[in-house]
Amino acid sequence: MLIIASNLTTRDRKIASMLKTATQAKDSSMVKGTMEFLGSLARECVAAGANVIDINVQQHHDTPAIVEMAVNAVQGATNCQLCLSCHSLEALEASLNACRRPPIVNYVSLDTQRLERILPLAARHQAEVVLLTADPMPPETIEDTLKSAAVLVGAANEAGVPNSRIFIDPGVLHVTYSVGQRHSQTLIELIPALAEAFDPPVRTTCWVDNVSAGAGARVRPFVNSGFFAFLAGLGLSSAFVDVLEGQMARTIRLMRIFSNELIYSDGEISKRT
C-alpha cells in the first residue's frame, strides 16, 4: 500500500502559524527556520514509512506563497513524491509549477467547477489525481458510487488524465455514528468493486483519520490503526495517515513485516515511531 503522510497540514496550528509568519517576514532567518522545520518533519515522515508527503493547506492560508514555500521545503529535504491538497486554483497552480516531479492532486469531485478547472491543469503537469465520489456525503448505494466514479474517470480521461494516474476516494464517514458503521460495511464490497470496474484499472485511497472523528482522544489512535488494517485487507491501494502517531506507525511496520518488505525484529514492534 502507498502510504501518504497527512502530517504537514495547516490544521496543525503550529504549522499554520509558522507558514503565515514566514511568508510575511522580512527576516530571512525566520524563513530559514520554517523551511528547516518543515524539511525535518518531512524526513521524519519518510523514516516512519511515508511514500508520499501531503501538503494540505485546504483549511487555512490556501495561498500560492505558502504552498510554494512548503513544496520547496519538502523537496529540499526528501526525494518523496508530493500530494497537493489545495482549494485555491491559484495555490494549486503555483505548487504544481514548483514541483520537480509530477505530484498527486487531491481532490476532484463532481463539482463542475473543480472538474473543468483542475483536471486540465493536472493533465498538463502529468499529475496523478484523487477523484472523490463523496462530496459531501457518499452515494447511498454501491451502484451509485460506481456510477459517480465512472463519470469522474470519464471526465479525467477526456481531460488527458489516464487511468494509471487516477485514485478513487469513496469517502470515509465517522464510525461513531450508525451511518458511518454502515458505510464502513459497504467498503467490504466497494473497494474490490472499484478495483475491478475499470480497464485499465484505477487505484483507491481514503483519509483514514476521518473514521474516528467524534471518538475520545485516547481511543482515536486505536480506531484509526484498526481501520487502516481493515482497509489494507480489502486491497485499498493507498491511504492518507498520520505516520508519526505511534499506534499507526506500528501498524504500518507490522503490515510491511507481514508482506515481507521489512525484516522482523522485536525492536520494530516496540519502538514508538
Protein backbone atom coordinates (compact mmCIF):
# COMPACT_ATOMS: atom_id res chain seq x y z
CA MET A 1 0.00 0.00 0.00
CA LEU A 2 1.15 3.52 -0.83
CA ILE A 3 1.43 5.49 2.43
CA ILE A 4 0.58 9.21 2.14
CA ALA A 5 1.66 11.17 5.23
CA SER A 6 -1.02 13.64 6.32
CA ASN A 7 1.22 15.37 8.88
CA LEU A 8 2.09 18.55 7.00
CA THR A 9 -1.22 20.33 7.33
CA THR A 10 -2.42 23.80 8.29
CA ARG A 11 -4.91 22.06 10.57
CA ASP A 12 -1.86 21.94 12.83
CA ARG A 13 -1.85 25.39 14.41
CA LYS A 14 1.93 25.43 14.79
CA ILE A 15 2.49 24.72 11.10
CA ALA A 16 -0.20 27.21 10.03
CA SER A 17 1.30 29.94 12.20
CA MET A 18 4.87 29.28 11.06
CA LEU A 19 3.94 29.34 7.38
CA LYS A 20 1.90 32.52 7.68
CA THR A 21 4.57 34.32 9.68
CA ALA A 22 7.39 33.18 7.38
CA THR A 23 5.68 34.36 4.19
CA GLN A 24 5.13 37.80 5.77
CA ALA A 25 8.55 38.06 7.41
CA LYS A 26 11.28 40.39 6.28
CA ASP A 27 13.79 38.48 8.42
CA SER A 28 15.40 35.71 6.34
CA SER A 29 16.26 33.74 9.47
CA MET A 30 12.56 33.19 10.17
CA VAL A 31 12.03 31.87 6.65
CA LYS A 32 15.05 29.60 7.02
CA GLY A 33 13.78 28.29 10.36
CA THR A 34 10.37 27.46 8.91
CA MET A 35 11.92 25.71 5.90
CA GLU A 36 14.18 23.68 8.20
CA PHE A 37 11.26 22.71 10.44
CA LEU A 38 9.15 21.52 7.50
CA GLY A 39 12.09 19.68 5.99
CA SER A 40 12.77 17.92 9.28
CA LEU A 41 9.10 16.96 9.56
CA ALA A 42 9.18 15.52 6.04
CA ARG A 43 12.28 13.45 6.83
CA GLU A 44 10.60 12.09 9.97
CA CYS A 45 7.60 11.05 7.90
CA VAL A 46 9.78 9.24 5.38
CA ALA A 47 11.66 7.47 8.18
CA ALA A 48 8.30 6.37 9.60
CA GLY A 49 7.29 4.77 6.30
CA ALA A 50 5.73 7.50 4.16
CA ASN A 51 5.97 7.12 0.38
CA VAL A 52 4.27 10.45 -0.31
CA ILE A 53 4.09 13.72 1.68
CA ASP A 54 0.76 15.54 1.54
CA ILE A 55 0.91 19.33 1.71
CA ASN A 56 -2.55 20.26 2.95
CA VAL A 57 -3.47 23.95 3.06
CA GLN A 58 -7.20 23.46 2.45
CA GLN A 59 -8.23 24.66 5.90
CA HIS A 60 -6.07 27.78 6.37
CA HIS A 61 -3.73 30.01 4.35
CA ASP A 62 -4.53 28.48 0.95
CA THR A 63 -2.27 30.88 -0.93
CA PRO A 64 0.39 30.48 -3.64
CA ALA A 65 3.20 31.85 -1.43
CA ILE A 66 2.51 29.49 1.45
CA VAL A 67 2.04 26.30 -0.51
CA GLU A 68 5.06 27.06 -2.70
CA MET A 69 7.21 27.53 0.42
CA ALA A 70 6.03 24.19 1.78
CA VAL A 71 6.73 22.43 -1.53
CA ASN A 72 10.25 23.84 -1.69
CA ALA A 73 10.94 22.92 1.94
CA VAL A 74 9.89 19.28 1.48
CA GLN A 75 11.68 18.90 -1.85
CA GLY A 76 14.85 20.32 -0.31
CA ALA A 77 14.79 17.64 2.38
CA THR A 78 13.47 14.49 0.65
CA ASN A 79 13.04 12.85 -2.74
CA CYS A 80 9.44 11.93 -1.90
CA GLN A 81 6.56 12.41 -4.27
CA LEU A 82 4.24 15.18 -3.06
CA CYS A 83 0.46 15.34 -2.79
CA LEU A 84 -1.14 18.79 -3.09
CA SER A 85 -4.34 19.47 -1.16
CA CYS A 86 -5.47 22.97 -2.13
CA HIS A 87 -8.87 24.53 -2.73
CA SER A 88 -7.48 27.63 -4.42
CA LEU A 89 -6.72 27.14 -8.11
CA GLU A 90 -4.01 29.79 -7.89
CA ALA A 91 -2.31 28.00 -5.00
CA LEU A 92 -2.56 24.66 -6.81
CA GLU A 93 -1.06 26.06 -10.00
CA ALA A 94 1.82 27.68 -8.10
CA SER A 95 2.59 24.45 -6.26
CA LEU A 96 2.40 22.39 -9.45
CA ASN A 97 4.89 24.73 -11.08
CA ALA A 98 7.21 24.33 -8.08
CA CYS A 99 7.13 20.51 -8.09
CA ARG A 100 10.21 18.80 -9.51
CA ARG A 101 8.29 15.60 -10.26
CA PRO A 102 4.60 15.05 -11.02
CA PRO A 103 2.63 15.11 -7.75
CA ILE A 104 -0.80 13.81 -6.73
CA VAL A 105 -3.58 16.42 -6.85
CA ASN A 106 -6.15 15.98 -4.09
CA TYR A 107 -9.00 16.23 -4.95
CA VAL A 108 -11.54 16.50 -7.80
CA SER A 109 -15.23 15.89 -7.16
CA LEU A 110 -18.40 16.02 -9.25
CA ASP A 111 -18.46 19.78 -8.69
CA THR A 112 -18.45 21.17 -12.24
CA GLN A 113 -16.05 24.00 -11.47
CA ARG A 114 -13.44 21.66 -9.98
CA LEU A 115 -13.82 19.23 -12.87
CA GLU A 116 -13.42 21.90 -15.53
CA ARG A 117 -10.59 23.82 -13.86
CA ILE A 118 -8.45 21.24 -12.08
CA LEU A 119 -8.41 18.25 -14.44
CA PRO A 120 -6.84 20.07 -17.42
CA LEU A 121 -4.28 21.64 -15.08
CA ALA A 122 -3.38 18.25 -13.61
CA ALA A 123 -3.15 16.72 -17.07
CA ARG A 124 -0.82 19.48 -18.26
CA HIS A 125 1.56 18.72 -15.39
CA GLN A 126 1.18 14.92 -15.78
CA ALA A 127 -0.03 14.79 -12.19
CA GLU A 128 -1.93 11.96 -10.57
CA VAL A 129 -5.41 12.85 -9.36
CA VAL A 130 -7.67 11.82 -6.47
CA LEU A 131 -11.31 11.64 -7.61
CA LEU A 132 -13.73 11.94 -4.69
CA THR A 133 -17.12 10.27 -5.09
CA ALA A 134 -18.32 11.57 -1.71
CA ASP A 135 -18.91 15.33 -1.80
CA PRO A 136 -20.02 15.97 0.83
CA MET A 137 -21.61 12.56 1.52
CA PRO A 138 -21.02 9.20 -0.17
CA PRO A 139 -23.73 7.96 -2.55
CA GLU A 140 -26.29 5.77 -0.81
CA THR A 141 -25.54 2.54 -2.68
CA ILE A 142 -22.52 0.77 -4.13
CA GLU A 143 -24.08 1.04 -7.57
CA ASP A 144 -24.46 4.81 -7.22
CA THR A 145 -20.83 5.11 -6.10
CA LEU A 146 -19.66 3.15 -9.12
CA LYS A 147 -21.75 5.40 -11.39
CA SER A 148 -20.21 8.52 -9.82
CA ALA A 149 -16.75 7.01 -10.19
CA ALA A 150 -17.43 6.26 -13.86
CA VAL A 151 -18.45 9.88 -14.51
CA LEU A 152 -15.32 11.17 -12.77
CA VAL A 153 -12.98 8.76 -14.53
CA GLY A 154 -14.57 9.62 -17.88
CA ALA A 155 -14.06 13.34 -17.24
CA ALA A 156 -10.46 12.76 -16.21
CA ASN A 157 -9.76 10.69 -19.32
CA GLU A 158 -11.33 13.35 -21.53
CA ALA A 159 -9.09 15.98 -19.91
CA GLY A 160 -6.00 13.87 -20.60
CA VAL A 161 -5.52 12.01 -17.29
CA PRO A 162 -5.19 8.24 -17.95
CA ASN A 163 -6.45 5.57 -15.55
CA SER A 164 -2.87 4.85 -14.46
CA ARG A 165 -2.77 8.29 -12.83
CA ILE A 166 -6.18 8.07 -11.08
CA PHE A 167 -7.11 7.31 -7.47
CA ILE A 168 -10.77 6.91 -6.45
CA ASP A 169 -11.66 8.05 -2.93
CA PRO A 170 -15.04 6.59 -1.86
CA GLY A 171 -15.06 8.72 1.28
CA VAL A 172 -14.95 7.81 4.95
CA LEU A 173 -17.68 8.56 7.49
CA HIS A 174 -17.36 8.75 11.26
CA VAL A 175 -17.74 5.26 12.73
CA THR A 176 -19.04 6.89 15.93
CA TYR A 177 -22.40 7.24 14.14
CA SER A 178 -24.55 4.40 12.81
CA VAL A 179 -24.40 5.75 9.26
CA GLY A 180 -20.60 5.60 9.48
CA GLN A 181 -20.63 1.99 10.57
CA ARG A 182 -22.98 1.10 7.71
CA HIS A 183 -20.71 2.90 5.24
CA SER A 184 -17.67 1.04 6.57
CA GLN A 185 -19.52 -2.21 5.88
CA THR A 186 -20.16 -1.20 2.26
CA LEU A 187 -16.40 -0.78 1.75
CA ILE A 188 -16.06 -4.56 2.01
CA GLU A 189 -17.72 -4.82 -1.41
CA LEU A 190 -16.95 -1.36 -2.75
CA ILE A 191 -13.15 -1.31 -2.66
CA PRO A 192 -12.74 -4.58 -4.62
CA ALA A 193 -15.52 -3.45 -6.99
CA LEU A 194 -13.72 -0.17 -7.74
CA ALA A 195 -10.53 -2.09 -8.48
CA GLU A 196 -12.37 -4.27 -11.00
CA ALA A 197 -14.66 -1.68 -12.57
CA PHE A 198 -12.16 -0.02 -14.92
CA ASP A 199 -9.88 -1.23 -17.67
CA PRO A 200 -7.07 -0.25 -17.34
CA PRO A 201 -7.60 -0.33 -13.56
CA VAL A 202 -7.57 2.69 -11.28
CA ARG A 203 -6.30 2.80 -7.71
CA THR A 204 -8.17 3.60 -4.49
CA THR A 205 -7.44 5.82 -1.48
CA CYS A 206 -9.05 7.44 1.56
CA TRP A 207 -8.42 9.65 4.60
CA VAL A 208 -8.16 7.11 7.41
CA ASP A 209 -8.34 9.54 10.36
CA ASN A 210 -11.83 10.68 9.34
CA VAL A 211 -13.22 7.41 10.65
CA SER A 212 -12.54 8.26 14.31
CA ALA A 213 -13.89 11.82 14.38
CA GLY A 214 -16.13 12.18 17.41
CA ALA A 215 -14.34 9.46 19.38
CA GLY A 216 -12.39 10.20 22.55
CA ALA A 217 -8.81 11.37 22.05
CA ARG A 218 -7.46 8.33 23.92
CA VAL A 219 -9.14 5.79 21.64
CA ARG A 220 -8.79 7.55 18.28
CA PRO A 221 -5.34 6.04 17.51
CA PHE A 222 -6.72 2.52 18.03
CA VAL A 223 -9.76 3.19 15.83
CA ASN A 224 -7.58 4.67 13.08
CA SER A 225 -4.98 1.90 13.08
CA GLY A 226 -7.65 -0.80 13.16
CA PHE A 227 -9.49 0.80 10.25
CA PHE A 228 -6.22 1.10 8.32
CA ALA A 229 -5.54 -2.61 8.74
CA PHE A 230 -9.15 -3.37 7.73
CA LEU A 231 -8.75 -1.33 4.53
CA ALA A 232 -5.40 -2.90 3.72
CA GLY A 233 -7.03 -6.31 3.92
CA LEU A 234 -9.67 -5.17 1.44
CA GLY A 235 -6.99 -4.19 -1.06
CA LEU A 236 -7.02 -0.41 -0.72
CA SER A 237 -4.19 0.93 -2.88
CA SER A 238 -3.16 3.90 -0.74
CA ALA A 239 -4.15 5.82 2.37
CA PHE A 240 -3.69 9.24 3.96
CA VAL A 241 -2.48 8.58 7.51
CA ASP A 242 -0.68 10.24 10.42
CA VAL A 243 2.56 8.29 10.08
CA LEU A 244 4.04 9.81 13.25
CA GLU A 245 1.28 8.59 15.57
CA GLY A 246 2.74 5.63 17.47
CA GLN A 247 -0.04 3.09 17.00
CA MET A 248 -0.34 3.85 13.28
CA ALA A 249 3.43 3.70 12.80
CA ARG A 250 3.48 0.29 14.48
CA THR A 251 0.64 -0.97 12.28
CA ILE A 252 2.46 0.18 9.15
CA ARG A 253 5.60 -1.65 10.22
CA LEU A 254 3.64 -4.82 11.00
CA MET A 255 1.94 -4.67 7.63
CA ARG A 256 5.33 -4.44 5.94
CA ILE A 257 6.67 -7.32 8.02
CA PHE A 258 3.70 -9.49 7.04
CA SER A 259 4.27 -8.51 3.39
CA ASN A 260 7.97 -9.45 3.68
CA GLU A 261 9.02 -5.88 2.96
CA LEU A 262 10.66 -5.44 6.37
CA ILE A 263 12.69 -7.91 8.44
CA TYR A 264 11.01 -8.85 11.71
CA SER A 265 12.55 -7.72 14.98
CA ASP A 266 11.10 -7.07 18.43
CA GLY A 267 12.53 -3.58 18.21
CA GLU A 268 10.46 -2.78 15.11
CA ILE A 269 7.32 -3.65 17.04
CA SER A 270 8.16 -1.93 20.30
CA LYS A 271 9.54 1.38 19.06
CA ARG A 272 7.10 4.26 19.14
CA THR A 273 7.71 5.74 15.67
